[in-house]
C-alpha cells in the first residue's frame, strides 16, 4: 500500500515538473528567441535604410536658390 502511494506521489511530482516548469520554460524560450530575431531584423532594416540615406545625401545637392533683395527691413515698434 505504501509503495502505491509513493508511486502516485512520484507521478504527481513528474506531472508538476512537466506542466509547471518544462512546458512554460519552453514557451518562454521560444518567445524570447522570436522577439530577438524580430529585433535583429528591425535593426538590420534600420541600418540598411541609414546606409541608403547617407548614400543619397552624399550626392551633390543642387545649389540653393539665390535670395532676392526686397528692399529695406523696418522694425516694428509698438507705440503705447
Protein backbone atom coordinates (compact mmCIF):
# COMPACT_ATOMS: atom_id res chain seq x y z
CA UNK A 1 0.00 0.00 0.00
CA UNK A 2 2.81 2.41 0.90
CA UNK A 3 4.55 1.62 -2.37
CA UNK A 4 1.34 2.54 -4.27
CA UNK A 5 1.10 5.96 -2.55
CA UNK A 6 4.79 6.58 -3.16
CA UNK A 7 4.29 5.78 -6.88
CA UNK A 8 1.30 8.15 -7.04
CA UNK A 9 3.38 10.87 -5.31
CA UNK A 10 6.27 10.41 -7.78
CA UNK A 11 3.84 10.52 -10.73
CA UNK A 12 2.31 13.74 -9.33
CA UNK A 13 5.77 15.30 -8.92
CA UNK A 14 6.68 14.40 -12.51
CA UNK A 15 3.37 15.83 -13.73
CA UNK A 16 4.01 19.11 -11.86
CA UNK A 17 7.58 19.24 -13.16
CA UNK A 18 6.50 18.81 -16.77
CA UNK A 19 3.45 21.09 -16.79
CA UNK A 20 4.63 23.79 -14.37
CA UNK A 21 8.30 24.05 -15.30
CA UNK A 22 9.32 22.43 -18.57
CA UNK A 23 6.45 23.40 -20.88
CA UNK A 24 6.25 27.07 -19.72
CA UNK A 25 10.05 27.28 -19.91
CA UNK A 26 9.96 26.01 -23.48
CA UNK A 27 7.25 28.52 -24.44
CA UNK A 28 9.15 31.42 -22.89
CA UNK A 29 12.40 30.41 -24.59
CA UNK A 30 10.63 30.16 -27.94
CA UNK A 31 9.01 33.59 -27.47
CA UNK A 32 12.30 35.24 -26.45
CA UNK A 33 14.11 33.79 -29.45
CA UNK A 34 11.36 35.03 -31.79
CA UNK A 35 11.49 38.52 -30.26
CA UNK A 36 15.28 38.61 -30.55
CA UNK A 37 15.17 37.61 -34.21
CA UNK A 38 12.46 40.24 -34.85
CA UNK A 39 14.60 42.87 -33.13
CA UNK A 40 17.68 41.89 -35.13
CA UNK A 41 15.68 42.06 -38.37
CA UNK A 42 14.37 45.50 -37.42
CA UNK A 43 17.89 46.72 -36.58
CA UNK A 44 19.19 45.36 -39.90
CA UNK A 45 16.47 47.17 -41.83
CA UNK A 46 17.19 50.37 -39.92
CA UNK A 47 20.90 50.06 -40.67
CA UNK A 48 20.27 49.46 -44.37
CA UNK A 49 17.91 52.43 -44.59
CA UNK A 50 20.54 54.64 -42.94
CA UNK A 51 23.16 53.41 -45.38
CA UNK A 52 20.98 54.19 -48.39
CA UNK A 53 20.06 57.52 -46.82
CA UNK A 54 23.71 58.54 -46.42
CA UNK A 55 24.46 57.46 -49.99
CA UNK A 56 21.64 59.61 -51.29
CA UNK A 57 22.61 62.58 -49.13
CA UNK A 58 26.24 62.36 -50.25
CA UNK A 59 25.14 63.02 -53.84
CA UNK A 60 25.75 66.61 -54.94
CA UNK A 61 22.93 68.84 -53.83
CA UNK A 62 21.60 71.46 -56.24
CA UNK A 63 22.69 74.97 -55.29
CA UNK A 64 20.18 76.83 -53.14
CA UNK A 65 18.12 79.46 -54.98
CA UNK A 66 19.51 82.98 -54.80
CA UNK A 67 17.78 85.30 -52.38
CA UNK A 68 16.01 88.25 -53.88
CA UNK A 69 16.51 91.55 -52.08
CA UNK A 70 13.08 93.05 -51.35
CA UNK A 71 14.29 96.36 -50.01
CA UNK A 72 14.93 97.68 -46.55
CA UNK A 73 13.51 95.99 -43.50
CA UNK A 74 11.81 98.20 -40.95
CA UNK A 75 11.47 97.11 -37.36
CA UNK A 76 8.03 97.39 -35.88
CA UNK A 77 7.89 99.40 -32.68
CA UNK A 78 4.78 99.33 -30.56
CA UNK A 79 3.52 102.76 -29.54
CA UNK A 80 1.54 102.95 -26.33
